[in-house]
Amino acid sequence: MTQSAIYPSTEDLLSPAVTGPGAAAPAVQENAAIPSKLLFGVLPIRRVVPQDVHSVLDYSNGLMVAMAGLASNRREAKIAGAILGASVISVSLLTDYRLSLAKLIPIEVHEVLDYAWSASVIAAPFVLGYTKRAPLAAMVQIATGAATILGSMFTDYRAARGSMQSATQGA
């Protein structure tokens, strides 16, 4: 039974094609029972980026933003890069997904923080005035922020434990 192509039912997610030999790892199969929601609860965008891929991108994007800022000769770019890079890595380390140290931040909150962080990374070179004086750092940070927004829109956010998901599904 298919609920929809965008928001499949649990039965579709646990079909023999998914659970058969050579299919996804057991941890991924367990997560398949906790489906992600529509973007902002309304936008019917197909979520095709797996959560584990998104997790790796969170860490690499944080490093990229930090390194771009720290490689700059402008103090503003260095500070912004270090703070923004450290913030996304910290949030990722504390998010309820498989590649974190502690599962403290619900995945729904992480999704909102992804958009807020991306907007901050895009705005920082303009707000702090280093767009023209540190163009490489600004370009890398703006591109990373834009790519993170796009990637977040298509990420299939799935909680490792699902405590927030189960609480909201009953409501």
Protein backbone atom coordinates (compact mmCIF):
# COMPACT_ATOMS: atom_id res chain seq x y z
CA MET A 1 0.00 0.00 0.00
CA THR A 2 1.49 3.28 -1.05
CA GLN A 3 0.44 6.33 0.91
CA SER A 4 2.13 8.62 -1.63
CA ALA A 5 5.33 8.76 -3.63
CA ILE A 6 6.56 11.62 -1.49
CA TYR A 7 5.59 10.34 1.94
CA PRO A 8 5.55 6.52 1.75
CA SER A 9 3.91 4.29 4.31
CA THR A 10 5.94 2.23 6.78
CA GLU A 11 4.95 -0.97 4.92
CA ASP A 12 6.54 0.38 1.73
CA LEU A 13 9.70 1.30 3.61
CA LEU A 14 9.96 -2.20 5.07
CA SER A 15 9.11 -4.05 1.84
CA PRO A 16 11.08 -7.20 0.84
CA ALA A 17 13.14 -5.04 -1.54
CA VAL A 18 14.42 -3.06 1.44
CA THR A 19 14.75 -5.92 3.92
CA GLY A 20 16.03 -8.61 1.53
CA PRO A 21 19.60 -9.96 1.38
CA GLY A 22 22.18 -7.39 0.44
CA ALA A 23 19.82 -4.51 1.21
CA ALA A 24 20.37 -1.70 3.69
CA ALA A 25 22.24 -2.20 6.95
CA PRO A 26 20.14 -3.20 10.01
CA ALA A 27 20.46 0.25 11.61
CA VAL A 28 19.12 1.84 8.42
CA GLN A 29 16.26 -0.66 8.38
CA GLU A 30 15.37 0.27 11.96
CA ASN A 31 15.39 3.96 11.02
CA ALA A 32 13.09 3.20 8.08
CA ALA A 33 10.24 2.82 10.59
CA ILE A 34 10.62 6.51 11.53
CA PRO A 35 9.69 8.33 8.29
CA SER A 36 10.65 11.93 7.68
CA LYS A 37 8.01 14.59 7.24
CA LEU A 38 7.26 16.92 4.35
CA LEU A 39 9.51 19.99 4.16
CA PHE A 40 8.15 22.49 6.70
CA GLY A 41 5.19 20.13 6.95
CA VAL A 42 3.74 21.31 3.62
CA LEU A 43 6.18 21.33 0.69
CA PRO A 44 5.99 18.08 -1.30
CA ILE A 45 9.69 17.78 -2.14
CA ARG A 46 11.04 14.27 -2.51
CA ARG A 47 13.64 13.62 0.20
CA VAL A 48 16.41 11.76 -1.67
CA VAL A 49 19.57 12.60 0.32
CA PRO A 50 20.11 9.93 3.00
CA GLN A 51 20.54 11.14 6.58
CA ASP A 52 24.04 9.64 6.87
CA VAL A 53 25.19 11.54 3.77
CA HIS A 54 23.74 14.74 5.22
CA SER A 55 25.54 14.08 8.51
CA VAL A 56 28.91 13.79 6.79
CA LEU A 57 28.14 16.98 4.84
CA ASP A 58 27.33 18.82 8.09
CA TYR A 59 30.80 18.07 9.44
CA SER A 60 32.58 18.83 6.15
CA ASN A 61 30.62 22.08 5.62
CA GLY A 62 31.58 23.22 9.12
CA LEU A 63 35.23 22.52 8.40
CA MET A 64 35.02 24.23 5.01
CA VAL A 65 33.47 27.42 6.42
CA ALA A 66 35.98 27.49 9.29
CA MET A 67 39.00 26.85 7.07
CA ALA A 68 37.92 29.48 4.51
CA GLY A 69 37.63 32.07 7.26
CA LEU A 70 40.83 31.08 9.03
CA ALA A 71 42.79 31.15 5.74
CA SER A 72 41.71 34.74 5.16
CA ASN A 73 43.77 37.77 6.08
CA ARG A 74 40.72 39.57 7.50
CA ARG A 75 40.01 39.33 11.22
CA GLU A 76 36.22 39.44 10.64
CA ALA A 77 36.37 36.49 8.25
CA LYS A 78 38.51 34.49 10.68
CA ILE A 79 36.14 35.07 13.60
CA ALA A 80 32.99 34.41 11.55
CA GLY A 81 34.45 31.27 10.00
CA ALA A 82 35.59 29.88 13.34
CA ILE A 83 32.30 30.58 15.12
CA LEU A 84 30.05 29.38 12.28
CA GLY A 85 32.15 26.28 11.62
CA ALA A 86 32.30 25.33 15.29
CA SER A 87 28.57 25.91 15.73
CA VAL A 88 27.45 23.52 12.99
CA ILE A 89 29.93 20.86 14.09
CA SER A 90 28.74 21.21 17.70
CA VAL A 91 25.10 20.90 16.69
CA SER A 92 25.94 17.85 14.56
CA LEU A 93 27.76 16.17 17.44
CA LEU A 94 24.64 16.57 19.61
CA THR A 95 21.90 15.70 17.07
CA ASP A 96 19.71 12.59 17.18
CA TYR A 97 21.31 10.83 14.22
CA ARG A 98 23.74 7.95 13.81
CA LEU A 99 26.93 9.97 13.30
CA SER A 100 26.79 11.99 16.52
CA LEU A 101 28.25 11.59 19.97
CA ALA A 102 25.10 12.38 21.96
CA LYS A 103 21.48 12.31 20.83
CA LEU A 104 20.30 15.51 22.56
CA ILE A 105 18.94 17.68 19.72
CA PRO A 106 15.81 16.30 18.01
CA ILE A 107 16.17 15.87 14.26
CA GLU A 108 13.35 18.35 13.60
CA VAL A 109 15.23 21.03 15.53
CA HIS A 110 18.41 20.15 13.62
CA GLU A 111 16.58 20.73 10.32
CA VAL A 112 15.50 24.21 11.42
CA LEU A 113 19.04 24.95 12.64
CA ASP A 114 20.40 23.89 9.23
CA TYR A 115 18.38 26.62 7.55
CA ALA A 116 19.26 29.24 10.18
CA TRP A 117 22.97 28.32 10.01
CA SER A 118 22.96 28.48 6.22
CA ALA A 119 21.36 31.91 6.23
CA SER A 120 23.95 33.09 8.76
CA VAL A 121 26.82 31.77 6.65
CA ILE A 122 25.46 33.53 3.56
CA ALA A 123 24.85 36.79 5.45
CA ALA A 124 28.12 36.93 7.41
CA PRO A 125 30.38 38.29 4.62
CA PHE A 126 27.89 41.07 3.88
CA VAL A 127 26.98 41.94 7.46
CA LEU A 128 30.59 41.90 8.67
CA GLY A 129 31.88 43.67 5.55
CA TYR A 130 34.56 41.31 4.30
CA THR A 131 32.97 40.47 0.94
CA LYS A 132 35.40 42.64 -1.03
CA ARG A 133 38.40 42.42 1.30
CA ALA A 134 38.33 38.61 1.65
CA PRO A 135 36.55 37.53 -1.55
CA LEU A 136 37.68 33.90 -1.50
CA ALA A 137 36.50 33.35 2.08
CA ALA A 138 33.23 35.11 1.30
CA MET A 139 32.67 33.10 -1.88
CA VAL A 140 33.35 29.76 -0.15
CA GLN A 141 31.09 30.64 2.77
CA ILE A 142 28.24 31.89 0.58
CA ALA A 143 28.46 28.82 -1.70
CA THR A 144 28.56 26.49 1.30
CA GLY A 145 25.52 28.18 2.85
CA ALA A 146 23.56 27.95 -0.40
CA ALA A 147 24.55 24.31 -0.92
CA THR A 148 23.51 23.49 2.65
CA ILE A 149 20.07 25.01 2.12
CA LEU A 150 19.61 23.02 -1.07
CA GLY A 151 20.92 19.82 0.51
CA SER A 152 18.69 20.28 3.56
CA MET A 153 15.61 20.65 1.38
CA PHE A 154 16.23 17.20 -0.09
CA THR A 155 17.52 15.40 3.02
CA ASP A 156 15.47 12.52 4.34
CA TYR A 157 15.79 13.48 8.01
CA ARG A 158 15.41 10.38 10.17
CA ALA A 159 16.02 10.27 13.88
CA ALA A 160 18.23 7.57 15.35
CA ARG A 161 16.02 7.18 18.43
CA GLY A 162 12.94 9.02 17.23
CA SER A 163 11.83 10.36 20.59
CA MET A 164 10.58 13.60 19.03
CA GLN A 165 8.93 11.78 16.10
CA SER A 166 6.89 9.43 18.29
CA ALA A 167 5.76 12.30 20.52
CA THR A 168 4.51 14.34 17.55
CA GLN A 169 2.87 11.44 15.72
CA GLY A 170 0.41 10.88 18.55
CA ALA A 171 -0.75 14.50 18.40
